[in-house]
Amino acid sequence: MAAAARLRQMLQRPQLQLMPCCYDALSARLVEQAGFPLTFVSGFSVSASRALPDTGLLSYGEMLDSMRNVSAAVCIPCIGDGDTGYGNEVNVKRTVRGYAQAGLAAIMIEDQVSPKRCGHTAVKAVIPFDEAVRRVEAAVDAAKEGGDNILILARTDARGKLGLSEGIERCKAFAEVGAHITFLEAPRS
């Protein structure tokens, strides 16, 4: 069964799914050997493993290479950090296609400006609402064009600067354009 199909099955279960982060093939294998059902290839972790900050310094190609290595090393579904999609809607589509071809179950696309900042810093900023929705819609379109072999996890960092209501509205809009999963970064409760 394909990774995306296995992840879809997991998401139908009522219990929480713990998903430790990994940054390379070895750390992914350790996650798998510890018995976790899935893993997240974190952009922060991949950057940190190269002694770099999570500020968009790694290229699409470098991240894709990491995704391929992780996906090939384990049998559990992997969710990959697609950051901002590495550019405009055309770049987002390319990123989704590449991650799908690498064997990932899902890709996370976020609404930060480019170059991005780590989601846990005070200096991050998000793109306007309509642009964020178009970015997610491009990701969904790419997934559909590829046969729905990758799920789209749409993330918003809007709560930090624009408030909880804006973050919730973005998540609703992302779901309306077809995102399979939404992620509101840094809720307080």
C-alpha atoms as a PDB file:
ATOM      1  CA  MET A   1       0.000   0.000   0.000  1.00  0.00           C
ATOM      2  CA  ALA A   2       1.294   3.465  -0.884  1.00  0.00           C
ATOM      3  CA  ALA A   3       2.485   5.760   1.895  1.00  0.00           C
ATOM      4  CA  ALA A   4      -0.329   8.281   1.358  1.00  0.00           C
ATOM      5  CA  ALA A   5      -2.957   5.528   1.579  1.00  0.00           C
ATOM      6  CA  ARG A   6      -1.439   4.235   4.827  1.00  0.00           C
ATOM      7  CA  LEU A   7      -1.440   7.753   6.268  1.00  0.00           C
ATOM      8  CA  ARG A   8      -5.084   8.193   5.252  1.00  0.00           C
ATOM      9  CA  GLN A   9      -5.906   5.006   7.180  1.00  0.00           C
ATOM     10  CA  MET A  10      -4.035   6.268  10.246  1.00  0.00           C
ATOM     11  CA  LEU A  11      -5.932   9.546  10.159  1.00  0.00           C
ATOM     12  CA  GLN A  12      -9.236   7.656  10.319  1.00  0.00           C
ATOM     13  CA  ARG A  13      -8.331   6.189  13.712  1.00  0.00           C
ATOM     14  CA  PRO A  14      -9.666   8.001  16.778  1.00  0.00           C
ATOM     15  CA  GLN A  15      -6.407   7.907  18.747  1.00  0.00           C
ATOM     16  CA  LEU A  16      -3.572  10.403  18.509  1.00  0.00           C
ATOM     17  CA  GLN A  17      -0.627   9.471  16.320  1.00  0.00           C
ATOM     18  CA  LEU A  18       2.778  10.383  17.727  1.00  0.00           C
ATOM     19  CA  MET A  19       5.147  11.539  15.017  1.00  0.00           C
ATOM     20  CA  PRO A  20       8.754  12.184  16.078  1.00  0.00           C
ATOM     21  CA  CYS A  21      10.847  14.329  13.775  1.00  0.00           C
ATOM     22  CA  CYS A  22      13.836  13.055  11.860  1.00  0.00           C
ATOM     23  CA  TYR A  23      16.488  14.697   9.710  1.00  0.00           C
ATOM     24  CA  ASP A  24      18.214  11.876   7.834  1.00  0.00           C
ATOM     25  CA  ALA A  25      17.921   8.173   7.036  1.00  0.00           C
ATOM     26  CA  LEU A  26      19.521   7.057  10.316  1.00  0.00           C
ATOM     27  CA  SER A  27      17.283   9.164  12.545  1.00  0.00           C
ATOM     28  CA  ALA A  28      14.246   7.977  10.550  1.00  0.00           C
ATOM     29  CA  ARG A  29      15.262   4.349  11.089  1.00  0.00           C
ATOM     30  CA  LEU A  30      15.610   4.994  14.804  1.00  0.00           C
ATOM     31  CA  VAL A  31      12.087   6.446  14.866  1.00  0.00           C
ATOM     32  CA  GLU A  32      10.804   3.380  13.026  1.00  0.00           C
ATOM     33  CA  GLN A  33      12.732   0.911  15.208  1.00  0.00           C
ATOM     34  CA  ALA A  34      11.346   2.597  18.328  1.00  0.00           C
ATOM     35  CA  GLY A  35       7.895   1.589  17.107  1.00  0.00           C
ATOM     36  CA  PHE A  36       6.436   4.894  15.974  1.00  0.00           C
ATOM     37  CA  PRO A  37       3.902   4.616  13.136  1.00  0.00           C
ATOM     38  CA  LEU A  38       5.153   7.633  11.147  1.00  0.00           C
ATOM     39  CA  THR A  39       7.767  10.379  11.107  1.00  0.00           C
ATOM     40  CA  PHE A  40       8.124  14.020  10.092  1.00  0.00           C
ATOM     41  CA  VAL A  41      11.177  15.158   8.117  1.00  0.00           C
ATOM     42  CA  SER A  42      11.604  18.553   9.745  1.00  0.00           C
ATOM     43  CA  GLY A  43      13.174  21.462   7.881  1.00  0.00           C
ATOM     44  CA  PHE A  44      14.469  22.792  11.189  1.00  0.00           C
ATOM     45  CA  SER A  45      16.105  19.437  11.942  1.00  0.00           C
ATOM     46  CA  VAL A  46      17.608  19.027   8.473  1.00  0.00           C
ATOM     47  CA  SER A  47      19.003  22.581   8.700  1.00  0.00           C
ATOM     48  CA  ALA A  48      20.347  22.041  12.219  1.00  0.00           C
ATOM     49  CA  SER A  49      22.054  18.802  11.168  1.00  0.00           C
ATOM     50  CA  ARG A  50      24.020  20.919   8.701  1.00  0.00           C
ATOM     51  CA  ALA A  51      24.800  23.594  11.320  1.00  0.00           C
ATOM     52  CA  LEU A  52      22.449  26.058   9.612  1.00  0.00           C
ATOM     53  CA  PRO A  53      19.539  28.093  10.963  1.00  0.00           C
ATOM     54  CA  ASP A  54      16.003  27.339   9.734  1.00  0.00           C
ATOM     55  CA  THR A  55      15.786  30.476   7.600  1.00  0.00           C
ATOM     56  CA  GLY A  56      15.331  29.064   4.123  1.00  0.00           C
ATOM     57  CA  LEU A  57      19.042  28.590   3.437  1.00  0.00           C
ATOM     58  CA  LEU A  58      18.577  25.012   2.269  1.00  0.00           C
ATOM     59  CA  SER A  59      17.442  24.752  -1.333  1.00  0.00           C
ATOM     60  CA  TYR A  60      14.594  22.706  -2.722  1.00  0.00           C
ATOM     61  CA  GLY A  61      17.158  20.271  -4.149  1.00  0.00           C
ATOM     62  CA  GLU A  62      18.898  19.791  -0.806  1.00  0.00           C
ATOM     63  CA  MET A  63      15.599  19.173   0.972  1.00  0.00           C
ATOM     64  CA  LEU A  64      14.387  16.827  -1.768  1.00  0.00           C
ATOM     65  CA  ASP A  65      17.591  14.815  -1.428  1.00  0.00           C
ATOM     66  CA  SER A  66      16.955  14.487   2.309  1.00  0.00           C
ATOM     67  CA  MET A  67      13.350  13.426   1.637  1.00  0.00           C
ATOM     68  CA  ARG A  68      14.474  10.716  -0.799  1.00  0.00           C
ATOM     69  CA  ASN A  69      17.016   9.342   1.659  1.00  0.00           C
ATOM     70  CA  VAL A  70      14.544   9.212   4.536  1.00  0.00           C
ATOM     71  CA  SER A  71      11.713   7.726   2.488  1.00  0.00           C
ATOM     72  CA  ALA A  72      13.978   5.009   1.077  1.00  0.00           C
ATOM     73  CA  ALA A  73      15.254   4.058   4.539  1.00  0.00           C
ATOM     74  CA  VAL A  74      11.946   3.275   6.262  1.00  0.00           C
ATOM     75  CA  CYS A  75       8.626   1.536   5.717  1.00  0.00           C
ATOM     76  CA  ILE A  76       6.562   3.909   7.871  1.00  0.00           C
ATOM     77  CA  PRO A  77       4.858   6.920   6.243  1.00  0.00           C
ATOM     78  CA  CYS A  78       6.929  10.109   6.158  1.00  0.00           C
ATOM     79  CA  ILE A  79       5.588  13.653   6.148  1.00  0.00           C
ATOM     80  CA  GLY A  80       8.005  16.136   4.616  1.00  0.00           C
ATOM     81  CA  ASP A  81       8.482  19.798   5.444  1.00  0.00           C
ATOM     82  CA  GLY A  82       7.937  21.700   2.206  1.00  0.00           C
ATOM     83  CA  ASP A  83       8.379  25.079   3.920  1.00  0.00           C
ATOM     84  CA  THR A  84       6.927  27.799   1.664  1.00  0.00           C
ATOM     85  CA  GLY A  85       7.102  25.621  -1.440  1.00  0.00           C
ATOM     86  CA  TYR A  86      10.297  27.408  -2.538  1.00  0.00           C
ATOM     87  CA  GLY A  87       8.654  30.235  -4.474  1.00  0.00           C
ATOM     88  CA  ASN A  88       5.387  31.000  -6.239  1.00  0.00           C
ATOM     89  CA  GLU A  89       2.537  28.637  -7.126  1.00  0.00           C
ATOM     90  CA  VAL A  90       4.553  27.034  -9.947  1.00  0.00           C
ATOM     91  CA  ASN A  91       7.364  26.260  -7.500  1.00  0.00           C
ATOM     92  CA  VAL A  92       4.858  24.891  -4.976  1.00  0.00           C
ATOM     93  CA  LYS A  93       3.546  22.466  -7.606  1.00  0.00           C
ATOM     94  CA  ARG A  94       7.083  21.359  -8.431  1.00  0.00           C
ATOM     95  CA  THR A  95       7.846  20.825  -4.752  1.00  0.00           C
ATOM     96  CA  VAL A  96       4.716  18.721  -4.214  1.00  0.00           C
ATOM     97  CA  ARG A  97       5.477  16.595  -7.289  1.00  0.00           C
ATOM     98  CA  GLY A  98       9.071  16.068  -6.175  1.00  0.00           C
ATOM     99  CA  TYR A  99       8.111  15.045  -2.659  1.00  0.00           C
ATOM    100  CA  ALA A 100       5.453  12.672  -4.039  1.00  0.00           C
ATOM    101  CA  GLN A 101       8.009  11.073  -6.369  1.00  0.00           C
ATOM    102  CA  ALA A 102      10.353  10.708  -3.381  1.00  0.00           C
ATOM    103  CA  GLY A 103       7.711   8.515  -1.740  1.00  0.00           C
ATOM    104  CA  LEU A 104       6.443  10.805   0.993  1.00  0.00           C
ATOM    105  CA  ALA A 105       2.948  10.321   2.401  1.00  0.00           C
ATOM    106  CA  ALA A 106       2.332  14.052   2.875  1.00  0.00           C
ATOM    107  CA  ILE A 107       3.948  17.442   2.467  1.00  0.00           C
ATOM    108  CA  MET A 108       3.538  20.421   4.767  1.00  0.00           C
ATOM    109  CA  ILE A 109       3.207  23.784   3.008  1.00  0.00           C
ATOM    110  CA  GLU A 110       3.154  26.928   5.155  1.00  0.00           C
ATOM    111  CA  ASP A 111       2.002  30.511   4.710  1.00  0.00           C
ATOM    112  CA  GLN A 112       5.187  32.292   5.765  1.00  0.00           C
ATOM    113  CA  VAL A 113       6.893  34.873   3.591  1.00  0.00           C
ATOM    114  CA  SER A 114       9.999  33.881   1.697  1.00  0.00           C
ATOM    115  CA  PRO A 115      12.709  33.738   2.852  1.00  0.00           C
ATOM    116  CA  LYS A 116      11.050  32.059   5.800  1.00  0.00           C
ATOM    117  CA  ARG A 117      11.957  32.001   9.455  1.00  0.00           C
ATOM    118  CA  CYS A 118      11.722  29.164  11.910  1.00  0.00           C
ATOM    119  CA  GLY A 119       8.109  28.957  13.063  1.00  0.00           C
ATOM    120  CA  HIS A 120       9.149  29.315  16.695  1.00  0.00           C
ATOM    121  CA  THR A 121      10.706  32.779  16.385  1.00  0.00           C
ATOM    122  CA  ALA A 122       9.175  36.208  16.893  1.00  0.00           C
ATOM    123  CA  VAL A 123      10.402  37.580  13.541  1.00  0.00           C
ATOM    124  CA  LYS A 124       8.300  35.376  11.277  1.00  0.00           C
ATOM    125  CA  ALA A 125       5.726  36.940   8.943  1.00  0.00           C
ATOM    126  CA  VAL A 126       2.961  35.480   6.813  1.00  0.00           C
ATOM    127  CA  ILE A 127       1.790  36.224   3.297  1.00  0.00           C
ATOM    128  CA  PRO A 128      -1.641  37.803   2.697  1.00  0.00           C
ATOM    129  CA  PHE A 129      -4.716  35.581   3.122  1.00  0.00           C
ATOM    130  CA  ASP A 130      -5.559  35.247  -0.594  1.00  0.00           C
ATOM    131  CA  GLU A 131      -1.969  34.447  -1.523  1.00  0.00           C
ATOM    132  CA  ALA A 132      -1.809  31.792   1.206  1.00  0.00           C
ATOM    133  CA  VAL A 133      -4.973  30.161  -0.122  1.00  0.00           C
ATOM    134  CA  ARG A 134      -3.577  30.191  -3.679  1.00  0.00           C
ATOM    135  CA  ARG A 135      -0.371  28.552  -2.424  1.00  0.00           C
ATOM    136  CA  VAL A 136      -2.329  25.725  -0.779  1.00  0.00           C
ATOM    137  CA  GLU A 137      -4.616  25.410  -3.799  1.00  0.00           C
ATOM    138  CA  ALA A 138      -1.551  24.984  -6.033  1.00  0.00           C
ATOM    139  CA  ALA A 139      -0.309  22.220  -3.724  1.00  0.00           C
ATOM    140  CA  VAL A 140      -3.698  20.477  -3.830  1.00  0.00           C
ATOM    141  CA  ASP A 141      -3.803  20.773  -7.636  1.00  0.00           C
ATOM    142  CA  ALA A 142      -0.347  19.205  -7.927  1.00  0.00           C
ATOM    143  CA  ALA A 143      -1.394  16.331  -5.664  1.00  0.00           C
ATOM    144  CA  LYS A 144      -4.513  15.698  -7.761  1.00  0.00           C
ATOM    145  CA  GLU A 145      -2.547  15.904 -11.014  1.00  0.00           C
ATOM    146  CA  GLY A 146      -0.195  13.252  -9.616  1.00  0.00           C
ATOM    147  CA  GLY A 147      -3.005  10.839  -8.784  1.00  0.00           C
ATOM    148  CA  ASP A 148      -3.501  11.879  -5.143  1.00  0.00           C
ATOM    149  CA  ASN A 149      -0.409   9.931  -4.089  1.00  0.00           C
ATOM    150  CA  ILE A 150       0.525  12.583  -1.501  1.00  0.00           C
ATOM    151  CA  LEU A 151      -1.546  14.380   1.128  1.00  0.00           C
ATOM    152  CA  ILE A 152      -1.393  18.140   1.647  1.00  0.00           C
ATOM    153  CA  LEU A 153      -0.842  19.421   5.174  1.00  0.00           C
ATOM    154  CA  ALA A 154      -1.487  23.181   5.095  1.00  0.00           C
ATOM    155  CA  ARG A 155       0.094  25.132   7.941  1.00  0.00           C
ATOM    156  CA  THR A 156      -0.522  28.679   9.078  1.00  0.00           C
ATOM    157  CA  ASP A 157       1.710  30.797  11.278  1.00  0.00           C
ATOM    158  CA  ALA A 158      -0.876  33.615  11.350  1.00  0.00           C
ATOM    159  CA  ARG A 159      -1.787  33.274  15.024  1.00  0.00           C
ATOM    160  CA  GLY A 160       1.460  34.854  16.197  1.00  0.00           C
ATOM    161  CA  LYS A 161       1.117  38.161  14.331  1.00  0.00           C
ATOM    162  CA  LEU A 162      -2.521  38.314  13.215  1.00  0.00           C
ATOM    163  CA  GLY A 163      -4.338  36.476  15.998  1.00  0.00           C
ATOM    164  CA  LEU A 164      -6.145  33.214  16.582  1.00  0.00           C
ATOM    165  CA  SER A 165      -9.228  34.166  14.536  1.00  0.00           C
ATOM    166  CA  GLU A 166      -7.103  34.816  11.446  1.00  0.00           C
ATOM    167  CA  GLY A 167      -5.321  31.501  11.927  1.00  0.00           C
ATOM    168  CA  ILE A 168      -8.615  29.646  12.189  1.00  0.00           C
ATOM    169  CA  GLU A 169     -10.002  31.402   9.099  1.00  0.00           C
ATOM    170  CA  ARG A 170      -6.920  30.411   7.137  1.00  0.00           C
ATOM    171  CA  CYS A 171      -7.248  26.783   8.224  1.00  0.00           C
ATOM    172  CA  LYS A 172     -10.903  26.792   7.153  1.00  0.00           C
ATOM    173  CA  ALA A 173      -9.992  28.281   3.764  1.00  0.00           C
ATOM    174  CA  PHE A 174      -7.191  25.735   3.298  1.00  0.00           C
ATOM    175  CA  ALA A 175      -9.653  22.909   3.960  1.00  0.00           C
ATOM    176  CA  GLU A 176     -12.155  24.446   1.530  1.00  0.00           C
ATOM    177  CA  VAL A 177      -9.618  24.340  -1.321  1.00  0.00           C
ATOM    178  CA  GLY A 178      -8.815  20.703  -0.576  1.00  0.00           C
ATOM    179  CA  ALA A 179      -6.055  20.478   2.035  1.00  0.00           C
ATOM    180  CA  HIS A 180      -6.270  17.065   3.677  1.00  0.00           C
ATOM    181  CA  ILE A 181      -4.847  18.272   6.999  1.00  0.00           C
ATOM    182  CA  THR A 182      -4.577  21.763   8.512  1.00  0.00           C
ATOM    183  CA  PHE A 183      -2.087  22.879  11.131  1.00  0.00           C
ATOM    184  CA  LEU A 184      -2.436  26.004  13.262  1.00  0.00           C
ATOM    185  CA  GLU A 185       1.064  26.782  14.539  1.00  0.00           C
ATOM    186  CA  ALA A 186       1.554  27.650  18.220  1.00  0.00           C
ATOM    187  CA  PRO A 187      -1.928  27.676  19.731  1.00  0.00           C
ATOM    188  CA  ARG A 188      -1.912  28.799  23.357  1.00  0.00           C
ATOM    189  CA  SER A 189      -4.637  26.449  24.548  1.00  0.00           C
END
